[in-house]
Amino acid sequence: MAAQLVPHRFTVQDYHRMAEAGILREDDRVELLAGEIVEMPPISPGHAGGVKRLTNSFLPLQAERKVIISVQDPIRLGEHSEPQPDLALLKPRPDFYARNHPGPEDVLLLVEVTDSSASYDPEVKVPLYARFGIAETWLLALESGVIEVYRAPGPEGYRQVRILGRGERLSPQAFPELILTVDELLGA
């Protein structure tokens, strides 16, 4: 009789204990996705610039205290996932999420920046966000020069997907008054 190999799925609690024990260090570029510890690629200058442009675009919302802008910080998605999206717009909270990481109910918008077609964001992270009910996710695809907008989450994924190119405008679902352009978010 052949032995069956059963992979171990890590919990968020396991993941944090590994960090406390020094197995994972604070500067390790990893995140927990569906029970697996995934190594994230190094941040390229293009990716870093994209995150900075995004952050700058949403500053008016933060100045008006409508959101907390979270950059590359953990979001708790159930027992087995704690991704670190490039940018999240969070509901304001007096403690700024110092007591615990935000969950799906706290997220108004998640944005991932990709600068490589080999990214796991569209195949792994975007469906994960949909399963946990993140209302809206954007994927800034720097290499292809488009922004993918995902809305109406469900267990099978997002039911509404729009792909926007240069010259087009978009607004976060939660803040339709904030009109952004694809060009300003993708850069020159």
C-alpha atoms as a PDB file:
ATOM      1  CA  MET A   1       0.000   0.000   0.000  1.00  0.00           C
ATOM      2  CA  ALA A   2       1.458   3.329  -1.073  1.00  0.00           C
ATOM      3  CA  ALA A   3       1.729   6.099   1.487  1.00  0.00           C
ATOM      4  CA  GLN A   4      -0.255   9.217   0.792  1.00  0.00           C
ATOM      5  CA  LEU A   5       1.544  12.490   1.224  1.00  0.00           C
ATOM      6  CA  VAL A   6      -0.576  15.078   2.962  1.00  0.00           C
ATOM      7  CA  PRO A   7       0.823  18.613   2.891  1.00  0.00           C
ATOM      8  CA  HIS A   8       0.677  20.582   6.120  1.00  0.00           C
ATOM      9  CA  ARG A   9      -1.265  23.828   5.905  1.00  0.00           C
ATOM     10  CA  PHE A  10       0.052  26.491   8.240  1.00  0.00           C
ATOM     11  CA  THR A  11      -2.358  28.638  10.200  1.00  0.00           C
ATOM     12  CA  VAL A  12      -1.920  32.336  10.806  1.00  0.00           C
ATOM     13  CA  GLN A  13      -1.105  31.416  14.411  1.00  0.00           C
ATOM     14  CA  ASP A  14       1.646  28.997  13.229  1.00  0.00           C
ATOM     15  CA  TYR A  15       2.988  31.703  10.935  1.00  0.00           C
ATOM     16  CA  HIS A  16       3.211  34.230  13.775  1.00  0.00           C
ATOM     17  CA  ARG A  17       4.842  31.678  16.088  1.00  0.00           C
ATOM     18  CA  MET A  18       7.512  31.025  13.433  1.00  0.00           C
ATOM     19  CA  ALA A  19       8.239  34.751  13.398  1.00  0.00           C
ATOM     20  CA  GLU A  20       8.363  34.900  17.215  1.00  0.00           C
ATOM     21  CA  ALA A  21      10.764  31.931  17.259  1.00  0.00           C
ATOM     22  CA  GLY A  22      13.043  33.593  14.686  1.00  0.00           C
ATOM     23  CA  ILE A  23      12.344  31.037  11.941  1.00  0.00           C
ATOM     24  CA  LEU A  24      10.869  33.857   9.901  1.00  0.00           C
ATOM     25  CA  ARG A  25      12.462  37.268  10.248  1.00  0.00           C
ATOM     26  CA  GLU A  26      10.694  40.608   9.901  1.00  0.00           C
ATOM     27  CA  ASP A  27      12.628  41.406   6.736  1.00  0.00           C
ATOM     28  CA  ASP A  28      11.839  38.055   5.066  1.00  0.00           C
ATOM     29  CA  ARG A  29       9.744  38.681   1.951  1.00  0.00           C
ATOM     30  CA  VAL A  30       7.060  36.060   2.587  1.00  0.00           C
ATOM     31  CA  GLU A  31       3.313  35.930   3.045  1.00  0.00           C
ATOM     32  CA  LEU A  32       0.864  33.232   4.078  1.00  0.00           C
ATOM     33  CA  LEU A  33      -1.567  32.267   1.306  1.00  0.00           C
ATOM     34  CA  ALA A  34      -4.051  29.418   1.747  1.00  0.00           C
ATOM     35  CA  GLY A  35      -1.825  27.758   4.349  1.00  0.00           C
ATOM     36  CA  GLU A  36       1.385  28.007   2.317  1.00  0.00           C
ATOM     37  CA  ILE A  37       4.279  30.322   3.058  1.00  0.00           C
ATOM     38  CA  VAL A  38       5.057  31.972  -0.268  1.00  0.00           C
ATOM     39  CA  GLU A  39       8.246  33.867  -1.026  1.00  0.00           C
ATOM     40  CA  MET A  40       7.554  37.223  -2.620  1.00  0.00           C
ATOM     41  CA  PRO A  41       9.845  38.527  -5.363  1.00  0.00           C
ATOM     42  CA  PRO A  42      12.163  41.453  -4.652  1.00  0.00           C
ATOM     43  CA  ILE A  43      10.606  44.884  -5.104  1.00  0.00           C
ATOM     44  CA  SER A  44      11.785  46.404  -8.371  1.00  0.00           C
ATOM     45  CA  PRO A  45      12.073  50.174  -8.861  1.00  0.00           C
ATOM     46  CA  GLY A  46       9.026  50.107 -11.175  1.00  0.00           C
ATOM     47  CA  HIS A  47       6.958  48.285  -8.579  1.00  0.00           C
ATOM     48  CA  ALA A  48       8.063  50.643  -5.809  1.00  0.00           C
ATOM     49  CA  GLY A  49       7.248  53.656  -7.987  1.00  0.00           C
ATOM     50  CA  GLY A  50       3.796  52.222  -8.702  1.00  0.00           C
ATOM     51  CA  VAL A  51       3.068  51.838  -4.994  1.00  0.00           C
ATOM     52  CA  LYS A  52       4.233  55.405  -4.331  1.00  0.00           C
ATOM     53  CA  ARG A  53       1.999  56.764  -7.128  1.00  0.00           C
ATOM     54  CA  LEU A  54      -0.967  54.847  -5.711  1.00  0.00           C
ATOM     55  CA  THR A  55      -0.338  56.118  -2.210  1.00  0.00           C
ATOM     56  CA  ASN A  56      -0.070  59.688  -3.452  1.00  0.00           C
ATOM     57  CA  SER A  57      -3.340  59.358  -5.404  1.00  0.00           C
ATOM     58  CA  PHE A  58      -5.287  58.330  -2.310  1.00  0.00           C
ATOM     59  CA  LEU A  59      -3.826  60.937   0.075  1.00  0.00           C
ATOM     60  CA  PRO A  60      -6.858  63.261  -0.293  1.00  0.00           C
ATOM     61  CA  LEU A  61      -9.073  60.519   1.184  1.00  0.00           C
ATOM     62  CA  GLN A  62      -6.698  60.080   4.106  1.00  0.00           C
ATOM     63  CA  ALA A  63      -6.418  63.852   4.654  1.00  0.00           C
ATOM     64  CA  GLU A  64     -10.211  63.973   4.971  1.00  0.00           C
ATOM     65  CA  ARG A  65     -10.011  61.047   7.438  1.00  0.00           C
ATOM     66  CA  LYS A  66     -12.144  58.870   5.193  1.00  0.00           C
ATOM     67  CA  VAL A  67      -9.573  56.056   5.077  1.00  0.00           C
ATOM     68  CA  ILE A  68      -6.382  54.713   6.533  1.00  0.00           C
ATOM     69  CA  ILE A  69      -3.882  53.961   3.778  1.00  0.00           C
ATOM     70  CA  SER A  70      -2.039  50.728   4.470  1.00  0.00           C
ATOM     71  CA  VAL A  71       1.051  49.957   2.378  1.00  0.00           C
ATOM     72  CA  GLN A  72       2.351  46.383   2.170  1.00  0.00           C
ATOM     73  CA  ASP A  73       0.856  45.483   5.562  1.00  0.00           C
ATOM     74  CA  PRO A  74      -0.903  42.218   6.483  1.00  0.00           C
ATOM     75  CA  ILE A  75      -4.612  41.614   6.017  1.00  0.00           C
ATOM     76  CA  ARG A  76      -6.035  38.644   7.945  1.00  0.00           C
ATOM     77  CA  LEU A  77      -8.153  36.397   5.731  1.00  0.00           C
ATOM     78  CA  GLY A  78      -9.415  33.529   7.827  1.00  0.00           C
ATOM     79  CA  GLU A  79      -7.321  30.929   9.582  1.00  0.00           C
ATOM     80  CA  HIS A  80      -4.840  30.175   6.776  1.00  0.00           C
ATOM     81  CA  SER A  81      -4.092  33.422   4.932  1.00  0.00           C
ATOM     82  CA  GLU A  82      -2.381  36.688   5.760  1.00  0.00           C
ATOM     83  CA  PRO A  83      -1.383  38.382   2.492  1.00  0.00           C
ATOM     84  CA  GLN A  84       0.378  41.719   2.324  1.00  0.00           C
ATOM     85  CA  PRO A  85      -1.256  43.645  -0.528  1.00  0.00           C
ATOM     86  CA  ASP A  86       0.684  46.531  -1.987  1.00  0.00           C
ATOM     87  CA  LEU A  87      -1.969  49.005  -0.873  1.00  0.00           C
ATOM     88  CA  ALA A  88      -5.214  48.820   1.080  1.00  0.00           C
ATOM     89  CA  LEU A  89      -7.752  51.485   1.848  1.00  0.00           C
ATOM     90  CA  LEU A  90      -9.086  50.659   5.298  1.00  0.00           C
ATOM     91  CA  LYS A  91     -12.054  51.923   7.240  1.00  0.00           C
ATOM     92  CA  PRO A  92     -10.856  54.488   9.784  1.00  0.00           C
ATOM     93  CA  ARG A  93     -10.354  53.161  13.293  1.00  0.00           C
ATOM     94  CA  PRO A  94      -9.067  55.119  16.308  1.00  0.00           C
ATOM     95  CA  ASP A  95      -6.346  52.559  17.115  1.00  0.00           C
ATOM     96  CA  PHE A  96      -5.087  52.439  13.473  1.00  0.00           C
ATOM     97  CA  TYR A  97      -5.298  48.623  13.699  1.00  0.00           C
ATOM     98  CA  ALA A  98      -2.607  48.480  16.370  1.00  0.00           C
ATOM     99  CA  ARG A  99      -4.422  45.712  18.314  1.00  0.00           C
ATOM    100  CA  ASN A 100      -4.972  43.340  15.382  1.00  0.00           C
ATOM    101  CA  HIS A 101      -4.564  43.199  11.635  1.00  0.00           C
ATOM    102  CA  PRO A 102      -7.540  44.284   9.548  1.00  0.00           C
ATOM    103  CA  GLY A 103      -9.878  41.654   8.153  1.00  0.00           C
ATOM    104  CA  PRO A 104     -12.094  41.621   5.066  1.00  0.00           C
ATOM    105  CA  GLU A 105     -14.783  43.698   6.796  1.00  0.00           C
ATOM    106  CA  ASP A 106     -12.265  46.524   7.283  1.00  0.00           C
ATOM    107  CA  VAL A 107     -11.102  46.737   3.659  1.00  0.00           C
ATOM    108  CA  LEU A 108     -12.611  49.229   1.208  1.00  0.00           C
ATOM    109  CA  LEU A 109     -10.123  48.551  -1.620  1.00  0.00           C
ATOM    110  CA  LEU A 110      -7.068  46.338  -2.134  1.00  0.00           C
ATOM    111  CA  VAL A 111      -4.525  47.085  -4.857  1.00  0.00           C
ATOM    112  CA  GLU A 112      -1.738  44.861  -6.130  1.00  0.00           C
ATOM    113  CA  VAL A 113       1.019  46.133  -8.440  1.00  0.00           C
ATOM    114  CA  THR A 114       2.602  43.689 -10.866  1.00  0.00           C
ATOM    115  CA  ASP A 115       5.578  44.398 -13.052  1.00  0.00           C
ATOM    116  CA  SER A 116       5.983  40.903 -14.447  1.00  0.00           C
ATOM    117  CA  SER A 117       3.702  38.568 -16.354  1.00  0.00           C
ATOM    118  CA  ALA A 118       4.942  35.795 -14.047  1.00  0.00           C
ATOM    119  CA  SER A 119       3.136  37.309 -11.058  1.00  0.00           C
ATOM    120  CA  TYR A 120       0.957  35.055  -8.912  1.00  0.00           C
ATOM    121  CA  ASP A 121      -1.400  37.924  -8.051  1.00  0.00           C
ATOM    122  CA  PRO A 122      -4.083  37.257 -10.715  1.00  0.00           C
ATOM    123  CA  GLU A 123      -4.146  33.486 -10.258  1.00  0.00           C
ATOM    124  CA  VAL A 124      -3.686  33.225  -6.497  1.00  0.00           C
ATOM    125  CA  LYS A 125      -4.278  36.456  -4.618  1.00  0.00           C
ATOM    126  CA  VAL A 126      -7.204  37.961  -6.553  1.00  0.00           C
ATOM    127  CA  PRO A 127      -9.343  34.777  -6.226  1.00  0.00           C
ATOM    128  CA  LEU A 128      -8.403  34.585  -2.529  1.00  0.00           C
ATOM    129  CA  TYR A 129      -9.595  38.173  -2.017  1.00  0.00           C
ATOM    130  CA  ALA A 130     -12.894  37.327  -3.758  1.00  0.00           C
ATOM    131  CA  ARG A 131     -13.471  34.225  -1.607  1.00  0.00           C
ATOM    132  CA  PHE A 132     -13.107  36.323   1.531  1.00  0.00           C
ATOM    133  CA  GLY A 133     -15.476  39.022   0.299  1.00  0.00           C
ATOM    134  CA  ILE A 134     -13.066  41.896  -0.372  1.00  0.00           C
ATOM    135  CA  ALA A 135     -15.489  44.263  -2.142  1.00  0.00           C
ATOM    136  CA  GLU A 136     -13.013  45.630  -4.662  1.00  0.00           C
ATOM    137  CA  THR A 137      -9.515  44.745  -5.850  1.00  0.00           C
ATOM    138  CA  TRP A 138      -7.395  46.493  -8.459  1.00  0.00           C
ATOM    139  CA  LEU A 139      -4.460  44.959 -10.254  1.00  0.00           C
ATOM    140  CA  LEU A 140      -2.045  47.482 -11.776  1.00  0.00           C
ATOM    141  CA  ALA A 141      -0.273  45.560 -14.514  1.00  0.00           C
ATOM    142  CA  LEU A 142       2.721  47.780 -15.282  1.00  0.00           C
ATOM    143  CA  GLU A 143       4.120  45.529 -18.014  1.00  0.00           C
ATOM    144  CA  SER A 144       0.886  45.451 -20.050  1.00  0.00           C
ATOM    145  CA  GLY A 145      -0.158  49.015 -19.201  1.00  0.00           C
ATOM    146  CA  VAL A 146      -3.619  48.209 -17.888  1.00  0.00           C
ATOM    147  CA  ILE A 147      -5.555  48.246 -14.640  1.00  0.00           C
ATOM    148  CA  GLU A 148      -7.848  45.332 -13.914  1.00  0.00           C
ATOM    149  CA  VAL A 149     -10.778  46.264 -11.665  1.00  0.00           C
ATOM    150  CA  TYR A 150     -12.483  43.415  -9.796  1.00  0.00           C
ATOM    151  CA  ARG A 151     -15.866  43.873  -8.066  1.00  0.00           C
ATOM    152  CA  ALA A 152     -18.783  41.753  -6.801  1.00  0.00           C
ATOM    153  CA  PRO A 153     -16.840  39.050  -4.932  1.00  0.00           C
ATOM    154  CA  GLY A 154     -18.064  35.518  -4.457  1.00  0.00           C
ATOM    155  CA  PRO A 155     -16.772  32.019  -3.688  1.00  0.00           C
ATOM    156  CA  GLU A 156     -15.965  31.397  -7.375  1.00  0.00           C
ATOM    157  CA  GLY A 157     -14.180  34.730  -7.863  1.00  0.00           C
ATOM    158  CA  TYR A 158     -15.168  38.239  -8.828  1.00  0.00           C
ATOM    159  CA  ARG A 159     -18.284  38.477 -10.982  1.00  0.00           C
ATOM    160  CA  GLN A 160     -17.399  41.892 -12.456  1.00  0.00           C
ATOM    161  CA  VAL A 161     -14.048  42.463 -14.124  1.00  0.00           C
ATOM    162  CA  ARG A 162     -13.107  45.552 -16.150  1.00  0.00           C
ATOM    163  CA  ILE A 163      -9.797  46.083 -17.901  1.00  0.00           C
ATOM    164  CA  LEU A 164      -8.905  49.736 -18.333  1.00  0.00           C
ATOM    165  CA  GLY A 165      -6.171  51.145 -20.537  1.00  0.00           C
ATOM    166  CA  ARG A 166      -4.410  54.453 -20.859  1.00  0.00           C
ATOM    167  CA  GLY A 167      -6.710  57.423 -21.372  1.00  0.00           C
ATOM    168  CA  GLU A 168      -9.449  55.892 -19.213  1.00  0.00           C
ATOM    169  CA  ARG A 169     -10.680  56.933 -15.766  1.00  0.00           C
ATOM    170  CA  LEU A 170     -11.662  55.007 -12.694  1.00  0.00           C
ATOM    171  CA  SER A 171     -12.882  55.559  -9.152  1.00  0.00           C
ATOM    172  CA  PRO A 172     -12.968  53.345  -6.105  1.00  0.00           C
ATOM    173  CA  GLN A 173     -16.441  51.924  -5.594  1.00  0.00           C
ATOM    174  CA  ALA A 174     -16.483  53.302  -2.034  1.00  0.00           C
ATOM    175  CA  PHE A 175     -15.433  56.807  -3.200  1.00  0.00           C
ATOM    176  CA  PRO A 176     -16.933  57.565  -6.624  1.00  0.00           C
ATOM    177  CA  GLU A 177     -16.097  61.244  -6.156  1.00  0.00           C
ATOM    178  CA  LEU A 178     -12.358  60.464  -6.405  1.00  0.00           C
ATOM    179  CA  ILE A 179     -11.674  60.293 -10.133  1.00  0.00           C
ATOM    180  CA  LEU A 180      -8.289  58.890 -11.115  1.00  0.00           C
ATOM    181  CA  THR A 181      -6.749  58.183 -14.483  1.00  0.00           C
ATOM    182  CA  VAL A 182      -5.028  55.020 -15.594  1.00  0.00           C
ATOM    183  CA  ASP A 183      -2.141  57.179 -16.821  1.00  0.00           C
ATOM    184  CA  GLU A 184      -1.513  58.787 -13.425  1.00  0.00           C
ATOM    185  CA  LEU A 185      -1.605  55.411 -11.653  1.00  0.00           C
ATOM    186  CA  LEU A 186       0.642  53.618 -14.146  1.00  0.00           C
ATOM    187  CA  GLY A 187       3.021  56.526 -14.674  1.00  0.00           C
ATOM    188  CA  ALA A 188       4.828  57.516 -17.848  1.00  0.00           C
END
